[in-house]
PDB file of N, CA and C in Angstrom:
ATOM      1  N   UNK A   1     166.181 107.047  53.892  1.00  0.00           N
ATOM      2  CA  UNK A   1     165.652 107.774  55.025  1.00  0.00           C
ATOM      3  C   UNK A   1     164.362 108.501  54.636  1.00  0.00           C
ATOM      4  N   UNK A   2     164.338 109.118  53.471  1.00  0.00           N
ATOM      5  CA  UNK A   2     163.136 109.816  53.010  1.00  0.00           C
ATOM      6  C   UNK A   2     162.025 108.814  52.703  1.00  0.00           C
ATOM      7  N   UNK A   3     162.392 107.657  52.143  1.00  0.00           N
ATOM      8  CA  UNK A   3     161.392 106.636  51.845  1.00  0.00           C
ATOM      9  C   UNK A   3     160.729 106.128  53.126  1.00  0.00           C
ATOM     10  N   UNK A   4     161.510 105.985  54.183  1.00  0.00           N
ATOM     11  CA  UNK A   4     160.961 105.563  55.465  1.00  0.00           C
ATOM     12  C   UNK A   4     160.001 106.616  56.019  1.00  0.00           C
ATOM     13  N   UNK A   5     160.374 107.878  55.909  1.00  0.00           N
ATOM     14  CA  UNK A   5     159.516 108.974  56.365  1.00  0.00           C
ATOM     15  C   UNK A   5     158.198 108.983  55.597  1.00  0.00           C
ATOM     16  N   UNK A   6     158.255 108.789  54.295  1.00  0.00           N
ATOM     17  CA  UNK A   6     157.048 108.765  53.461  1.00  0.00           C
ATOM     18  C   UNK A   6     156.177 107.564  53.816  1.00  0.00           C
ATOM     19  N   UNK A   7     156.798 106.403  54.021  1.00  0.00           N
ATOM     20  CA  UNK A   7     156.040 105.202  54.374  1.00  0.00           C
ATOM     21  C   UNK A   7     155.341 105.366  55.724  1.00  0.00           C
ATOM     22  N   UNK A   8     156.029 105.925  56.698  1.00  0.00           N
ATOM     23  CA  UNK A   8     155.416 106.140  58.010  1.00  0.00           C
ATOM     24  C   UNK A   8     154.317 107.201  57.938  1.00  0.00           C
ATOM     25  N   UNK A   9     154.522 108.222  57.120  1.00  0.00           N
ATOM     26  CA  UNK A   9     153.489 109.241  56.932  1.00  0.00           C
ATOM     27  C   UNK A   9     152.227 108.666  56.317  1.00  0.00           C
ATOM     28  N   UNK A  10     152.378 107.806  55.336  1.00  0.00           N
ATOM     29  CA  UNK A  10     151.216 107.154  54.720  1.00  0.00           C
ATOM     30  C   UNK A  10     150.511 106.245  55.716  1.00  0.00           C
ATOM     31  N   UNK A  11     151.289 105.568  56.537  1.00  0.00           N
ATOM     32  CA  UNK A  11     150.712 104.693  57.552  1.00  0.00           C
ATOM     33  C   UNK A  11     149.866 105.484  58.543  1.00  0.00           C
ATOM     34  N   UNK A  12     150.341 106.636  58.955  1.00  0.00           N
ATOM     35  CA  UNK A  12     149.580 107.474  59.885  1.00  0.00           C
ATOM     36  C   UNK A  12     148.316 107.996  59.214  1.00  0.00           C
ATOM     37  N   UNK A  13     148.391 108.387  57.962  1.00  0.00           N
ATOM     38  CA  UNK A  13     147.221 108.916  57.263  1.00  0.00           C
ATOM     39  C   UNK A  13     146.156 107.850  57.019  1.00  0.00           C
ATOM     40  N   UNK A  14     146.561 106.595  56.911  1.00  0.00           N
ATOM     41  CA  UNK A  14     145.600 105.513  56.690  1.00  0.00           C
ATOM     42  C   UNK A  14     144.892 105.103  57.977  1.00  0.00           C
ATOM     43  N   UNK A  15     145.548 105.292  59.107  1.00  0.00           N
ATOM     44  CA  UNK A  15     144.996 104.877  60.392  1.00  0.00           C
ATOM     45  C   UNK A  15     144.187 106.029  60.989  1.00  0.00           C
ATOM     46  N   UNK A  16     142.860 105.956  60.878  1.00  0.00           N
ATOM     47  CA  UNK A  16     142.011 107.065  61.337  1.00  0.00           C
ATOM     48  C   UNK A  16     142.083 107.248  62.847  1.00  0.00           C
ATOM     49  N   UNK A  17     142.117 106.167  63.593  1.00  0.00           N
ATOM     50  CA  UNK A  17     142.186 106.285  65.052  1.00  0.00           C
ATOM     51  C   UNK A  17     143.497 106.935  65.471  1.00  0.00           C
ATOM     52  N   UNK A  18     144.573 106.537  64.835  1.00  0.00           N
ATOM     53  CA  UNK A  18     145.862 107.150  65.134  1.00  0.00           C
ATOM     54  C   UNK A  18     145.903 108.614  64.750  1.00  0.00           C
ATOM     55  N   UNK A  19     145.254 108.949  63.665  1.00  0.00           N
ATOM     56  CA  UNK A  19     145.192 110.339  63.210  1.00  0.00           C
ATOM     57  C   UNK A  19     144.420 111.207  64.208  1.00  0.00           C
ATOM     58  N   UNK A  20     143.309 110.684  64.703  1.00  0.00           N
ATOM     59  CA  UNK A  20     142.521 111.422  65.694  1.00  0.00           C
ATOM     60  C   UNK A  20     143.304 111.568  66.988  1.00  0.00           C
ATOM     61  N   UNK A  21     143.925 110.487  67.436  1.00  0.00           N
ATOM     62  CA  UNK A  21     144.690 110.538  68.682  1.00  0.00           C
ATOM     63  C   UNK A  21     145.881 111.477  68.573  1.00  0.00           C
ATOM     64  N   UNK A  22     146.436 111.624  67.399  1.00  0.00           N
ATOM     65  CA  UNK A  22     147.610 112.468  67.230  1.00  0.00           C
ATOM     66  C   UNK A  22     147.259 113.935  67.089  1.00  0.00           C
ATOM     67  N   UNK A  23     146.242 114.253  66.305  1.00  0.00           N
ATOM     68  CA  UNK A  23     145.991 115.649  65.965  1.00  0.00           C
ATOM     69  C   UNK A  23     144.739 116.256  66.600  1.00  0.00           C
ATOM     70  N   UNK A  24     143.746 115.465  66.951  1.00  0.00           N
ATOM     71  CA  UNK A  24     142.502 116.024  67.469  1.00  0.00           C
ATOM     72  C   UNK A  24     142.405 115.948  68.990  1.00  0.00           C
ATOM     73  N   UNK A  25     142.821 114.844  69.569  1.00  0.00           N
ATOM     74  CA  UNK A  25     142.676 114.659  71.007  1.00  0.00           C
ATOM     75  C   UNK A  25     143.526 115.611  71.851  1.00  0.00           C
ATOM     76  N   UNK A  26     144.798 115.844  71.546  1.00  0.00           N
ATOM     77  CA  UNK A  26     145.582 116.764  72.389  1.00  0.00           C
ATOM     78  C   UNK A  26     145.015 118.183  72.482  1.00  0.00           C
ATOM     79  N   UNK A  27     144.577 118.817  71.387  1.00  0.00           N
ATOM     80  CA  UNK A  27     143.975 120.149  71.560  1.00  0.00           C
ATOM     81  C   UNK A  27     142.681 120.120  72.372  1.00  0.00           C
ATOM     82  N   UNK A  28     141.882 119.055  72.230  1.00  0.00           N
ATOM     83  CA  UNK A  28     140.653 118.959  73.009  1.00  0.00           C
ATOM     84  C   UNK A  28     140.945 118.818  74.496  1.00  0.00           C
ATOM     85  N   UNK A  29     141.939 118.014  74.840  1.00  0.00           N
ATOM     86  CA  UNK A  29     142.323 117.867  76.249  1.00  0.00           C
ATOM     87  C   UNK A  29     142.853 119.189  76.779  1.00  0.00           C
ATOM     88  N   UNK A  30     143.644 119.880  75.981  1.00  0.00           N
ATOM     89  CA  UNK A  30     144.159 121.187  76.399  1.00  0.00           C
ATOM     90  C   UNK A  30     143.022 122.165  76.655  1.00  0.00           C
ATOM     91  N   UNK A  31     142.050 122.218  75.746  1.00  0.00           N
ATOM     92  CA  UNK A  31     140.928 123.134  75.916  1.00  0.00           C
ATOM     93  C   UNK A  31     140.087 122.782  77.140  1.00  0.00           C
ATOM     94  N   UNK A  32     139.923 121.500  77.403  1.00  0.00           N
ATOM     95  CA  UNK A  32     139.174 121.076  78.580  1.00  0.00           C
ATOM     96  C   UNK A  32     139.857 121.542  79.862  1.00  0.00           C
ATOM     97  N   UNK A  33     141.158 121.287  79.979  1.00  0.00           N
ATOM     98  CA  UNK A  33     141.885 121.700  81.174  1.00  0.00           C
ATOM     99  C   UNK A  33     141.988 123.219  81.274  1.00  0.00           C
ATOM    100  N   UNK A  34     142.129 123.892  80.155  1.00  0.00           N
ATOM    101  CA  UNK A  34     142.184 125.354  80.181  1.00  0.00           C
ATOM    102  C   UNK A  34     140.855 125.931  80.651  1.00  0.00           C
ATOM    103  N   UNK A  35     139.756 125.331  80.231  1.00  0.00           N
ATOM    104  CA  UNK A  35     138.443 125.813  80.665  1.00  0.00           C
ATOM    105  C   UNK A  35     138.238 125.577  82.154  1.00  0.00           C
ATOM    106  N   UNK A  36     138.672 124.426  82.642  1.00  0.00           N
ATOM    107  CA  UNK A  36     138.485 124.112  84.059  1.00  0.00           C
ATOM    108  C   UNK A  36     139.376 124.977  84.933  1.00  0.00           C
ATOM    109  N   UNK A  37     140.665 124.977  84.655  1.00  0.00           N
ATOM    110  CA  UNK A  37     141.596 125.676  85.534  1.00  0.00           C
ATOM    111  C   UNK A  37     141.643 127.176  85.264  1.00  0.00           C
ATOM    112  N   UNK A  38     141.262 127.603  84.081  1.00  0.00           N
ATOM    113  CA  UNK A  38     141.176 129.035  83.812  1.00  0.00           C
ATOM    114  C   UNK A  38     140.025 129.663  84.572  1.00  0.00           C
ATOM    115  N   UNK A  39     138.923 128.931  84.700  1.00  0.00           N
ATOM    116  CA  UNK A  39     137.783 129.431  85.462  1.00  0.00           C
ATOM    117  C   UNK A  39     138.097 129.456  86.950  1.00  0.00           C
ATOM    118  N   UNK A  40     138.896 128.496  87.433  1.00  0.00           N
ATOM    119  CA  UNK A  40     139.208 128.472  88.862  1.00  0.00           C
ATOM    120  C   UNK A  40     140.118 129.632  89.246  1.00  0.00           C
ATOM    121  N   UNK A  41     140.884 130.155  88.322  1.00  0.00           N
ATOM    122  CA  UNK A  41     141.729 131.310  88.625  1.00  0.00           C
ATOM    123  C   UNK A  41     140.868 132.556  88.833  1.00  0.00           C
ATOM    124  N   UNK A  42     139.727 132.628  88.145  1.00  0.00           N
ATOM    125  CA  UNK A  42     138.813 133.756  88.323  1.00  0.00           C
ATOM    126  C   UNK A  42     137.888 133.542  89.515  1.00  0.00           C
ATOM    127  N   UNK A  43     137.757 132.300  89.951  1.00  0.00           N
ATOM    128  CA  UNK A  43     136.935 132.004  91.114  1.00  0.00           C
ATOM    129  C   UNK A  43     135.517 131.583  90.803  1.00  0.00           C
ATOM    130  N   UNK A  44     135.160 131.416  89.553  1.00  0.00           N
ATOM    131  CA  UNK A  44     133.790 131.030  89.208  1.00  0.00           C
ATOM    132  C   UNK A  44     133.780 129.714  88.438  1.00  0.00           C
ATOM    133  N   UNK A  45     133.820 128.614  89.161  1.00  0.00           N
ATOM    134  CA  UNK A  45     133.820 127.293  88.547  1.00  0.00           C
ATOM    135  C   UNK A  45     132.385 126.783  88.506  1.00  0.00           C
ATOM    136  N   UNK A  46     131.890 126.494  87.324  1.00  0.00           N
ATOM    137  CA  UNK A  46     130.560 125.918  87.142  1.00  0.00           C
ATOM    138  C   UNK A  46     130.728 124.678  86.275  1.00  0.00           C
ATOM    139  N   UNK A  47     130.971 123.548  86.919  1.00  0.00           N
ATOM    140  CA  UNK A  47     131.256 122.303  86.213  1.00  0.00           C
ATOM    141  C   UNK A  47     130.192 121.286  86.583  1.00  0.00           C
ATOM    142  N   UNK A  48     129.492 120.754  85.599  1.00  0.00           N
ATOM    143  CA  UNK A  48     128.466 119.747  85.828  1.00  0.00           C
ATOM    144  C   UNK A  48     128.969 118.419  85.293  1.00  0.00           C
ATOM    145  N   UNK A  49     128.819 117.395  86.109  1.00  0.00           N
ATOM    146  CA  UNK A  49     129.322 116.070  85.771  1.00  0.00           C
ATOM    147  C   UNK A  49     128.170 115.083  85.873  1.00  0.00           C
ATOM    148  N   UNK A  50     128.042 114.221  84.887  1.00  0.00           N
ATOM    149  CA  UNK A  50     127.029 113.173  84.911  1.00  0.00           C
ATOM    150  C   UNK A  50     127.696 111.858  85.278  1.00  0.00           C
ATOM    151  N   UNK A  51     126.995 111.037  86.053  1.00  0.00           N
ATOM    152  CA  UNK A  51     127.537 109.759  86.495  1.00  0.00           C
ATOM    153  C   UNK A  51     126.531 108.672  86.165  1.00  0.00           C
ATOM    154  N   UNK A  52     126.995 107.637  85.518  1.00  0.00           N
ATOM    155  CA  UNK A  52     126.157 106.492  85.192  1.00  0.00           C
ATOM    156  C   UNK A  52     126.768 105.273  85.845  1.00  0.00           C
ATOM    157  N   UNK A  53     126.009 104.603  86.692  1.00  0.00           N
ATOM    158  CA  UNK A  53     126.482 103.401  87.366  1.00  0.00           C
ATOM    159  C   UNK A  53     125.818 102.206  86.702  1.00  0.00           C
ATOM    160  N   UNK A  54     126.506 101.590  85.793  1.00  0.00           N
ATOM    161  CA  UNK A  54     125.960 100.458  85.056  1.00  0.00           C
ATOM    162  C   UNK A  54     126.048  99.151  85.818  1.00  0.00           C
ATOM    163  N   UNK A  55     126.671  99.141  87.000  1.00  0.00           N
ATOM    164  CA  UNK A  55     126.850  97.913  87.763  1.00  0.00           C
ATOM    165  C   UNK A  55     125.593  97.523  88.532  1.00  0.00           C
ATOM    166  N   UNK A  56     124.675  98.441  88.771  1.00  0.00           N
ATOM    167  CA  UNK A  56     123.462  98.121  89.519  1.00  0.00           C
ATOM    168  C   UNK A  56     122.279  98.008  88.571  1.00  0.00           C
ATOM    169  N   UNK A  57     121.282  97.239  89.002  1.00  0.00           N
ATOM    170  CA  UNK A  57     120.086  97.107  88.174  1.00  0.00           C
ATOM    171  C   UNK A  57     119.000  98.065  88.671  1.00  0.00           C
ATOM    172  N   UNK A  58     117.791  97.958  88.143  1.00  0.00           N
ATOM    173  CA  UNK A  58     116.717  98.895  88.469  1.00  0.00           C
ATOM    174  C   UNK A  58     116.246  98.753  89.918  1.00  0.00           C
ATOM    175  N   UNK A  59     116.455  97.573  90.512  1.00  0.00           N
ATOM    176  CA  UNK A  59     116.012  97.359  91.891  1.00  0.00           C
ATOM    177  C   UNK A  59     116.961  97.977  92.909  1.00  0.00           C
ATOM    178  N   UNK A  60     118.148  98.370  92.488  1.00  0.00           N
ATOM    179  CA  UNK A  60     119.087  99.012  93.404  1.00  0.00           C
ATOM    180  C   UNK A  60     120.140  98.053  93.805  1.00  0.00           C
TER     181      UNK A  60
END
């Protein structure tokens, strides 16, 4: 049982994408939602969003 735990732990440490998805992405998502919805509770939401439409060409 301990050998399996160690093997899975090594597997997670070797996989950089899995490591980021496990430990870095959840706090970032939490901070994003906390910033958005925490500001809405005070009533001052200032959110700027950029949109890129890659489906159209320069002629429109």
